[in-house]
Amino acid sequence: GYSLFVLKANTRAKKLYLKLGFKVQEYPEIMPLADCLYMVK
């Protein structure tokens, strides 16, 4: 599938990713970016 990171504060981008079928998931390793969400489709 596909994955990406998005800053929690970047609500516009997060809304687009959700519309395209991405879902927030727990990142399986140490999160490389602060204040970020990991999204997967």
All heavy atoms as atom14 arrays in JSON, in Angstrom:
{
  "sequence": "GYSLFVLKANTRAKKLYLKLGFKVQEYPEIMPLADCLYMVK",
  "atom14_mask": [
    [1, 1, 1, 1, 0, 0, 0, 0, 0, 0, 0, 0, 0, 0],
    [1, 1, 1, 1, 1, 1, 1, 1, 1, 1, 1, 1, 0, 0],
    [1, 1, 1, 1, 1, 1, 0, 0, 0, 0, 0, 0, 0, 0],
    [1, 1, 1, 1, 1, 1, 1, 1, 0, 0, 0, 0, 0, 0],
    [1, 1, 1, 1, 1, 1, 1, 1, 1, 1, 1, 0, 0, 0],
    [1, 1, 1, 1, 1, 1, 1, 0, 0, 0, 0, 0, 0, 0],
    [1, 1, 1, 1, 1, 1, 1, 1, 0, 0, 0, 0, 0, 0],
    [1, 1, 1, 1, 1, 1, 1, 1, 1, 0, 0, 0, 0, 0],
    [1, 1, 1, 1, 1, 0, 0, 0, 0, 0, 0, 0, 0, 0],
    [1, 1, 1, 1, 1, 1, 1, 1, 0, 0, 0, 0, 0, 0],
    [1, 1, 1, 1, 1, 1, 1, 0, 0, 0, 0, 0, 0, 0],
    [1, 1, 1, 1, 1, 1, 1, 1, 1, 1, 1, 0, 0, 0],
    [1, 1, 1, 1, 1, 0, 0, 0, 0, 0, 0, 0, 0, 0],
    [1, 1, 1, 1, 1, 1, 1, 1, 1, 0, 0, 0, 0, 0],
    [1, 1, 1, 1, 1, 1, 1, 1, 1, 0, 0, 0, 0, 0],
    [1, 1, 1, 1, 1, 1, 1, 1, 0, 0, 0, 0, 0, 0],
    [1, 1, 1, 1, 1, 1, 1, 1, 1, 1, 1, 1, 0, 0],
    [1, 1, 1, 1, 1, 1, 1, 1, 0, 0, 0, 0, 0, 0],
    [1, 1, 1, 1, 1, 1, 1, 1, 1, 0, 0, 0, 0, 0],
    [1, 1, 1, 1, 1, 1, 1, 1, 0, 0, 0, 0, 0, 0],
    [1, 1, 1, 1, 0, 0, 0, 0, 0, 0, 0, 0, 0, 0],
    [1, 1, 1, 1, 1, 1, 1, 1, 1, 1, 1, 0, 0, 0],
    [1, 1, 1, 1, 1, 1, 1, 1, 1, 0, 0, 0, 0, 0],
    [1, 1, 1, 1, 1, 1, 1, 0, 0, 0, 0, 0, 0, 0],
    [1, 1, 1, 1, 1, 1, 1, 1, 1, 0, 0, 0, 0, 0],
    [1, 1, 1, 1, 1, 1, 1, 1, 1, 0, 0, 0, 0, 0],
    [1, 1, 1, 1, 1, 1, 1, 1, 1, 1, 1, 1, 0, 0],
    [1, 1, 1, 1, 1, 1, 1, 0, 0, 0, 0, 0, 0, 0],
    [1, 1, 1, 1, 1, 1, 1, 1, 1, 0, 0, 0, 0, 0],
    [1, 1, 1, 1, 1, 1, 1, 1, 0, 0, 0, 0, 0, 0],
    [1, 1, 1, 1, 1, 1, 1, 1, 0, 0, 0, 0, 0, 0],
    [1, 1, 1, 1, 1, 1, 1, 0, 0, 0, 0, 0, 0, 0],
    [1, 1, 1, 1, 1, 1, 1, 1, 0, 0, 0, 0, 0, 0],
    [1, 1, 1, 1, 1, 0, 0, 0, 0, 0, 0, 0, 0, 0],
    [1, 1, 1, 1, 1, 1, 1, 1, 0, 0, 0, 0, 0, 0],
    [1, 1, 1, 1, 1, 1, 0, 0, 0, 0, 0, 0, 0, 0],
    [1, 1, 1, 1, 1, 1, 1, 1, 0, 0, 0, 0, 0, 0],
    [1, 1, 1, 1, 1, 1, 1, 1, 1, 1, 1, 1, 0, 0],
    [1, 1, 1, 1, 1, 1, 1, 1, 0, 0, 0, 0, 0, 0],
    [1, 1, 1, 1, 1, 1, 1, 0, 0, 0, 0, 0, 0, 0],
    [1, 1, 1, 1, 1, 1, 1, 1, 1, 0, 0, 0, 0, 0]
  ],
  "atom14_positions": [
    [[0.83, -1.19, 0.0], [0.0, 0.0, 0.0], [0.87, 1.24, 0.0], [2.01, 1.21, -0.48], [0.0, 0.0, 0.0], [0.0, 0.0, 0.0], [0.0, 0.0, 0.0], [0.0, 0.0, 0.0], [0.0, 0.0, 0.0], [0.0, 0.0, 0.0], [0.0, 0.0, 0.0], [0.0, 0.0, 0.0], [0.0, 0.0, 0.0], [0.0, 0.0, 0.0]],
    [[0.32, 2.32, 0.57], [0.98, 3.62, 0.54], [1.0, 4.2, 1.94], [0.1, 3.96, 2.74], [0.22, 4.56, -0.4], [-0.17, 3.88, -1.69], [-1.43, 3.31, -1.84], [0.75, 3.74, -2.73], [-1.78, 2.64, -3.0], [0.4, 3.08, -3.89], [-0.86, 2.52, -4.01], [-1.19, 1.85, -5.16], [0.0, 0.0, 0.0], [0.0, 0.0, 0.0]],
    [[2.03, 5.0, 2.21], [2.12, 5.64, 3.52], [2.66, 7.05, 3.35], [3.24, 7.4, 2.31], [3.03, 4.83, 4.45], [4.37, 4.84, 3.98], [0.0, 0.0, 0.0], [0.0, 0.0, 0.0], [0.0, 0.0, 0.0], [0.0, 0.0, 0.0], [0.0, 0.0, 0.0], [0.0, 0.0, 0.0], [0.0, 0.0, 0.0], [0.0, 0.0, 0.0]],
    [[2.47, 7.85, 4.39], [3.01, 9.21, 4.41], [2.98, 9.72, 5.84], [2.33, 9.15, 6.71], [2.22, 10.14, 3.47], [0.7, 10.23, 3.63], [0.29, 11.18, 4.75], [0.08, 10.67, 2.33], [0.0, 0.0, 0.0], [0.0, 0.0, 0.0], [0.0, 0.0, 0.0], [0.0, 0.0, 0.0], [0.0, 0.0, 0.0], [0.0, 0.0, 0.0]],
    [[3.69, 10.8, 6.07], [3.65, 11.52, 7.34], [2.98, 12.86, 7.09], [3.16, 13.46, 6.02], [5.06, 11.79, 7.88], [5.81, 10.56, 8.31], [6.93, 10.16, 7.62], [5.41, 9.82, 9.41], [7.65, 9.04, 8.01], [6.11, 8.68, 9.81], [7.24, 8.3, 9.1], [0.0, 0.0, 0.0], [0.0, 0.0, 0.0], [0.0, 0.0, 0.0]],
    [[2.24, 13.34, 8.06], [1.65, 14.67, 7.97], [1.72, 15.29, 9.37], [1.47, 14.62, 10.37], [0.2, 14.63, 7.44], [-0.72, 13.84, 8.35], [-0.34, 16.05, 7.22], [0.0, 0.0, 0.0], [0.0, 0.0, 0.0], [0.0, 0.0, 0.0], [0.0, 0.0, 0.0], [0.0, 0.0, 0.0], [0.0, 0.0, 0.0], [0.0, 0.0, 0.0]],
    [[2.1, 16.55, 9.41], [2.12, 17.26, 10.7], [0.69, 17.37, 11.23], [-0.24, 17.64, 10.46], [2.73, 18.65, 10.55], [4.24, 18.69, 10.3], [4.7, 20.12, 10.06], [5.0, 18.09, 11.47], [0.0, 0.0, 0.0], [0.0, 0.0, 0.0], [0.0, 0.0, 0.0], [0.0, 0.0, 0.0], [0.0, 0.0, 0.0], [0.0, 0.0, 0.0]],
    [[0.53, 17.16, 12.52], [-0.8, 17.22, 13.12], [-1.48, 18.56, 12.84], [-2.69, 18.62, 12.63], [-0.7, 17.0, 14.64], [-0.3, 15.6, 15.01], [-0.13, 15.45, 16.5], [0.37, 14.06, 16.85], [0.65, 13.91, 18.28], [0.0, 0.0, 0.0], [0.0, 0.0, 0.0], [0.0, 0.0, 0.0], [0.0, 0.0, 0.0], [0.0, 0.0, 0.0]],
    [[-0.72, 19.63, 12.8], [-1.27, 20.97, 12.58], [-1.65, 21.23, 11.12], [-2.34, 22.21, 10.83], [-0.28, 22.03, 13.05], [0.0, 0.0, 0.0], [0.0, 0.0, 0.0], [0.0, 0.0, 0.0], [0.0, 0.0, 0.0], [0.0, 0.0, 0.0], [0.0, 0.0, 0.0], [0.0, 0.0, 0.0], [0.0, 0.0, 0.0], [0.0, 0.0, 0.0]],
    [[-1.24, 20.37, 10.21], [-1.52, 20.58, 8.79], [-2.88, 19.96, 8.45], [-2.99, 18.96, 7.75], [-0.4, 19.98, 7.93], [-0.46, 20.42, 6.49], [-1.43, 21.02, 6.04], [0.59, 20.1, 5.76], [0.0, 0.0, 0.0], [0.0, 0.0, 0.0], [0.0, 0.0, 0.0], [0.0, 0.0, 0.0], [0.0, 0.0, 0.0], [0.0, 0.0, 0.0]],
    [[-3.94, 20.6, 8.93], [-5.28, 20.04, 8.82], [-5.75, 19.96, 7.36], [-6.47, 19.03, 7.0], [-6.29, 20.85, 9.65], [-6.21, 22.23, 9.26], [-5.99, 20.72, 11.13], [0.0, 0.0, 0.0], [0.0, 0.0, 0.0], [0.0, 0.0, 0.0], [0.0, 0.0, 0.0], [0.0, 0.0, 0.0], [0.0, 0.0, 0.0], [0.0, 0.0, 0.0]],
    [[-5.33, 20.89, 6.54], [-5.74, 20.87, 5.13], [-5.21, 19.61, 4.42], [-5.93, 18.93, 3.71], [-5.23, 22.13, 4.45], [-5.73, 22.32, 3.06], [-5.23, 23.63, 2.51], [-5.97, 24.0, 1.32], [-5.86, 25.16, 0.73], [-5.07, 26.09, 1.21], [-6.55, 25.42, -0.35], [0.0, 0.0, 0.0], [0.0, 0.0, 0.0], [0.0, 0.0, 0.0]],
    [[-3.92, 19.32, 4.63], [-3.34, 18.13, 4.02], [-3.96, 16.86, 4.6], [-4.29, 15.93, 3.86], [-1.82, 18.12, 4.21], [0.0, 0.0, 0.0], [0.0, 0.0, 0.0], [0.0, 0.0, 0.0], [0.0, 0.0, 0.0], [0.0, 0.0, 0.0], [0.0, 0.0, 0.0], [0.0, 0.0, 0.0], [0.0, 0.0, 0.0], [0.0, 0.0, 0.0]],
    [[-4.14, 16.83, 5.91], [-4.74, 15.65, 6.55], [-6.12, 15.38, 5.97], [-6.48, 14.23, 5.68], [-4.81, 15.84, 8.06], [-5.36, 14.64, 8.79], [-5.45, 14.87, 10.28], [-6.19, 13.75, 10.95], [-6.53, 14.07, 12.33], [0.0, 0.0, 0.0], [0.0, 0.0, 0.0], [0.0, 0.0, 0.0], [0.0, 0.0, 0.0], [0.0, 0.0, 0.0]],
    [[-6.91, 16.42, 5.78], [-8.26, 16.27, 5.21], [-8.18, 15.65, 3.8], [-8.97, 14.76, 3.47], [-8.94, 17.64, 5.17], [-10.35, 17.59, 4.68], [-10.98, 18.99, 4.71], [-12.38, 18.97, 4.13], [-12.97, 20.31, 4.1], [0.0, 0.0, 0.0], [0.0, 0.0, 0.0], [0.0, 0.0, 0.0], [0.0, 0.0, 0.0], [0.0, 0.0, 0.0]],
    [[-7.22, 16.1, 2.99], [-7.04, 15.54, 1.65], [-6.68, 14.07, 1.73], [-7.26, 13.23, 1.02], [-5.96, 16.31, 0.89], [-5.5, 15.69, -0.44], [-6.66, 15.62, -1.44], [-4.33, 16.46, -1.01], [0.0, 0.0, 0.0], [0.0, 0.0, 0.0], [0.0, 0.0, 0.0], [0.0, 0.0, 0.0], [0.0, 0.0, 0.0], [0.0, 0.0, 0.0]],
    [[-5.73, 13.72, 2.59], [-5.29, 12.33, 2.7], [-6.43, 11.42, 3.15], [-6.59, 10.31, 2.65], [-4.08, 12.21, 3.63], [-2.92, 13.1, 3.25], [-2.09, 13.65, 4.21], [-2.66, 13.44, 1.91], [-1.02, 14.47, 3.88], [-1.6, 14.27, 1.57], [-0.79, 14.78, 2.56], [0.25, 15.61, 2.22], [0.0, 0.0, 0.0], [0.0, 0.0, 0.0]],
    [[-7.24, 11.89, 4.1], [-8.39, 11.11, 4.56], [-9.37, 10.91, 3.4], [-9.91, 9.81, 3.21], [-9.07, 11.79, 5.74], [-8.3, 11.76, 7.06], [-8.94, 12.71, 8.07], [-8.19, 10.36, 7.62], [0.0, 0.0, 0.0], [0.0, 0.0, 0.0], [0.0, 0.0, 0.0], [0.0, 0.0, 0.0], [0.0, 0.0, 0.0], [0.0, 0.0, 0.0]],
    [[-9.61, 11.96, 2.62], [-10.52, 11.88, 1.47], [-10.02, 10.85, 0.45], [-10.82, 10.18, -0.2], [-10.63, 13.27, 0.82], [-11.59, 13.35, -0.34], [-11.65, 14.77, -0.88], [-11.2, 14.74, -2.31], [-11.07, 16.01, -2.95], [0.0, 0.0, 0.0], [0.0, 0.0, 0.0], [0.0, 0.0, 0.0], [0.0, 0.0, 0.0], [0.0, 0.0, 0.0]],
    [[-8.7, 10.71, 0.34], [-8.11, 9.77, -0.62], [-7.99, 8.35, -0.05], [-7.44, 7.46, -0.7], [-6.74, 10.27, -1.07], [-6.8, 11.53, -1.94], [-5.41, 12.07, -2.21], [-7.52, 11.25, -3.25], [0.0, 0.0, 0.0], [0.0, 0.0, 0.0], [0.0, 0.0, 0.0], [0.0, 0.0, 0.0], [0.0, 0.0, 0.0], [0.0, 0.0, 0.0]],
    [[-8.48, 8.13, 1.17], [-8.51, 6.79, 1.73], [-7.38, 6.45, 2.68], [-7.28, 5.3, 3.13], [0.0, 0.0, 0.0], [0.0, 0.0, 0.0], [0.0, 0.0, 0.0], [0.0, 0.0, 0.0], [0.0, 0.0, 0.0], [0.0, 0.0, 0.0], [0.0, 0.0, 0.0], [0.0, 0.0, 0.0], [0.0, 0.0, 0.0], [0.0, 0.0, 0.0]],
    [[-6.54, 7.4, 3.02], [-5.49, 7.16, 4.01], [-6.12, 7.17, 5.4], [-7.08, 7.91, 5.66], [-4.4, 8.23, 3.93], [-3.48, 8.09, 2.75], [-3.85, 8.58, 1.5], [-2.24, 7.46, 2.88], [-3.01, 8.46, 0.4], [-1.4, 7.33, 1.78], [-1.79, 7.83, 0.55], [0.0, 0.0, 0.0], [0.0, 0.0, 0.0], [0.0, 0.0, 0.0]],
    [[-5.57, 6.35, 6.29], [-6.04, 6.29, 7.67], [-4.84, 6.47, 8.61], [-3.75, 5.98, 8.32], [-6.71, 4.95, 7.94], [-8.01, 4.76, 7.16], [-8.62, 3.4, 7.46], [-9.97, 3.23, 6.83], [-10.07, 3.38, 5.43], [0.0, 0.0, 0.0], [0.0, 0.0, 0.0], [0.0, 0.0, 0.0], [0.0, 0.0, 0.0], [0.0, 0.0, 0.0]],
    [[-5.08, 7.15, 9.72], [-4.03, 7.33, 10.73], [-3.76, 5.98, 11.38], [-4.69, 5.27, 11.76], [-4.46, 8.37, 11.78], [-3.41, 8.49, 12.88], [-4.69, 9.73, 11.13], [0.0, 0.0, 0.0], [0.0, 0.0, 0.0], [0.0, 0.0, 0.0], [0.0, 0.0, 0.0], [0.0, 0.0, 0.0], [0.0, 0.0, 0.0], [0.0, 0.0, 0.0]],
    [[-2.48, 5.64, 11.49], [-2.06, 4.41, 12.16], [-0.9, 4.72, 13.1], [-0.19, 5.71, 12.92], [-1.58, 3.37, 11.15], [-2.67, 2.64, 10.45], [-2.15, 1.43, 9.68], [-0.96, 1.13, 9.67], [-3.05, 0.73, 9.03], [0.0, 0.0, 0.0], [0.0, 0.0, 0.0], [0.0, 0.0, 0.0], [0.0, 0.0, 0.0], [0.0, 0.0, 0.0]],
    [[-0.71, 3.84, 14.04], [0.44, 3.94, 14.93], [1.69, 3.61, 14.12], [1.71, 2.61, 13.38], [0.28, 2.95, 16.08], [1.26, 3.13, 17.21], [1.01, 4.38, 18.03], [-0.15, 4.8, 18.14], [2.0, 4.94, 18.54], [0.0, 0.0, 0.0], [0.0, 0.0, 0.0], [0.0, 0.0, 0.0], [0.0, 0.0, 0.0], [0.0, 0.0, 0.0]],
    [[2.72, 4.42, 14.22], [3.95, 4.13, 13.49], [4.67, 3.0, 14.22], [4.84, 3.06, 15.44], [4.82, 5.39, 13.41], [6.0, 5.23, 12.48], [5.81, 5.02, 11.12], [7.3, 5.29, 12.96], [6.88, 4.86, 10.27], [8.39, 5.15, 12.1], [8.16, 4.93, 10.77], [9.23, 4.78, 9.91], [0.0, 0.0, 0.0], [0.0, 0.0, 0.0]],
    [[5.11, 1.95, 13.51], [5.65, 0.76, 14.17], [7.07, 0.91, 14.71], [7.58, -0.02, 15.33], [5.59, -0.31, 13.08], [5.62, 0.45, 11.8], [4.95, 1.76, 12.08], [0.0, 0.0, 0.0], [0.0, 0.0, 0.0], [0.0, 0.0, 0.0], [0.0, 0.0, 0.0], [0.0, 0.0, 0.0], [0.0, 0.0, 0.0], [0.0, 0.0, 0.0]],
    [[7.7, 2.04, 14.48], [9.05, 2.29, 15.0], [9.03, 3.59, 15.78], [7.96, 4.15, 16.03], [10.04, 2.37, 13.83], [10.15, 1.06, 13.04], [11.12, 1.16, 11.87], [11.56, 2.28, 11.52], [11.43, 0.11, 11.3], [0.0, 0.0, 0.0], [0.0, 0.0, 0.0], [0.0, 0.0, 0.0], [0.0, 0.0, 0.0], [0.0, 0.0, 0.0]],
    [[10.2, 4.08, 16.13], [10.28, 5.39, 16.78], [9.91, 6.44, 15.74], [10.48, 6.46, 14.64], [11.69, 5.66, 17.36], [11.99, 4.65, 18.47], [11.81, 7.09, 17.86], [13.42, 4.69, 18.95], [0.0, 0.0, 0.0], [0.0, 0.0, 0.0], [0.0, 0.0, 0.0], [0.0, 0.0, 0.0], [0.0, 0.0, 0.0], [0.0, 0.0, 0.0]],
    [[8.95, 7.29, 16.06], [8.48, 8.32, 15.12], [9.64, 9.25, 14.77], [10.23, 9.87, 15.65], [7.33, 9.1, 15.72], [6.76, 10.16, 14.82], [6.1, 9.57, 13.25], [4.4, 9.32, 13.68], [0.0, 0.0, 0.0], [0.0, 0.0, 0.0], [0.0, 0.0, 0.0], [0.0, 0.0, 0.0], [0.0, 0.0, 0.0], [0.0, 0.0, 0.0]],
    [[9.98, 9.35, 13.48], [11.13, 10.17, 13.08], [10.84, 11.67, 13.07], [11.77, 12.47, 12.99], [11.43, 9.68, 11.66], [10.15, 9.12, 11.16], [9.42, 8.61, 12.37], [0.0, 0.0, 0.0], [0.0, 0.0, 0.0], [0.0, 0.0, 0.0], [0.0, 0.0, 0.0], [0.0, 0.0, 0.0], [0.0, 0.0, 0.0], [0.0, 0.0, 0.0]],
    [[9.58, 12.05, 13.16], [9.21, 13.46, 13.11], [8.32, 13.8, 14.3], [7.39, 13.08, 14.61], [8.45, 13.76, 11.82], [9.14, 13.4, 10.51], [8.17, 13.44, 9.35], [10.31, 14.35, 10.26], [0.0, 0.0, 0.0], [0.0, 0.0, 0.0], [0.0, 0.0, 0.0], [0.0, 0.0, 0.0], [0.0, 0.0, 0.0], [0.0, 0.0, 0.0]],
    [[8.58, 14.95, 14.92], [7.77, 15.38, 16.06], [6.43, 15.91, 15.56], [6.32, 16.44, 14.45], [8.5, 16.47, 16.83], [0.0, 0.0, 0.0], [0.0, 0.0, 0.0], [0.0, 0.0, 0.0], [0.0, 0.0, 0.0], [0.0, 0.0, 0.0], [0.0, 0.0, 0.0], [0.0, 0.0, 0.0], [0.0, 0.0, 0.0], [0.0, 0.0, 0.0]],
    [[5.39, 15.79, 16.4], [4.06, 16.33, 16.1], [3.52, 15.87, 14.76], [2.93, 16.64, 14.0], [4.07, 17.86, 16.17], [4.49, 18.37, 17.53], [4.03, 17.79, 18.53], [5.26, 19.33, 17.59], [0.0, 0.0, 0.0], [0.0, 0.0, 0.0], [0.0, 0.0, 0.0], [0.0, 0.0, 0.0], [0.0, 0.0, 0.0], [0.0, 0.0, 0.0]],
    [[3.75, 14.59, 14.46], [3.4, 14.05, 13.15], [2.46, 12.88, 13.3], [2.47, 12.18, 14.31], [4.69, 13.56, 12.49], [4.85, 14.12, 10.83], [0.0, 0.0, 0.0], [0.0, 0.0, 0.0], [0.0, 0.0, 0.0], [0.0, 0.0, 0.0], [0.0, 0.0, 0.0], [0.0, 0.0, 0.0], [0.0, 0.0, 0.0], [0.0, 0.0, 0.0]],
    [[1.66, 12.68, 12.26], [0.82, 11.49, 12.15], [1.37, 10.62, 11.03], [1.86, 11.14, 10.02], [-0.62, 11.88, 11.83], [-1.34, 12.74, 12.86], [-2.68, 13.23, 12.3], [-1.53, 11.99, 14.16], [0.0, 0.0, 0.0], [0.0, 0.0, 0.0], [0.0, 0.0, 0.0], [0.0, 0.0, 0.0], [0.0, 0.0, 0.0], [0.0, 0.0, 0.0]],
    [[1.23, 9.33, 11.21], [1.59, 8.36, 10.18], [0.28, 7.89, 9.58], [-0.64, 7.48, 10.29], [2.35, 7.2, 10.81], [2.76, 6.09, 9.88], [3.64, 6.32, 8.82], [2.3, 4.79, 10.08], [4.03, 5.28, 7.98], [2.7, 3.75, 9.25], [3.56, 4.0, 8.21], [3.96, 2.98, 7.38], [0.0, 0.0, 0.0], [0.0, 0.0, 0.0]],
    [[0.17, 7.98, 8.25], [-1.07, 7.59, 7.57], [-0.76, 6.52, 6.53], [0.27, 6.58, 5.86], [-1.73, 8.82, 6.93], [-2.12, 9.87, 7.96], [-3.0, 11.29, 7.25], [-4.64, 10.57, 7.06], [0.0, 0.0, 0.0], [0.0, 0.0, 0.0], [0.0, 0.0, 0.0], [0.0, 0.0, 0.0], [0.0, 0.0, 0.0], [0.0, 0.0, 0.0]],
    [[-1.68, 5.58, 6.4], [-1.5, 4.44, 5.51], [-2.77, 4.22, 4.69], [-3.89, 4.43, 5.17], [-1.19, 3.17, 6.35], [-1.28, 1.91, 5.53], [0.18, 3.29, 6.99], [0.0, 0.0, 0.0], [0.0, 0.0, 0.0], [0.0, 0.0, 0.0], [0.0, 0.0, 0.0], [0.0, 0.0, 0.0], [0.0, 0.0, 0.0], [0.0, 0.0, 0.0]],
    [[-2.56, 3.8, 3.47], [-3.65, 3.38, 2.59], [-3.26, 2.02, 2.05], [-2.29, 1.89, 1.31], [-3.84, 4.38, 1.46], [-4.93, 3.99, 0.48], [-5.11, 5.06, -0.57], [-6.19, 4.65, -1.55], [-6.59, 5.74, -2.41], [0.0, 0.0, 0.0], [0.0, 0.0, 0.0], [0.0, 0.0, 0.0], [0.0, 0.0, 0.0], [0.0, 0.0, 0.0]]
  ]
}
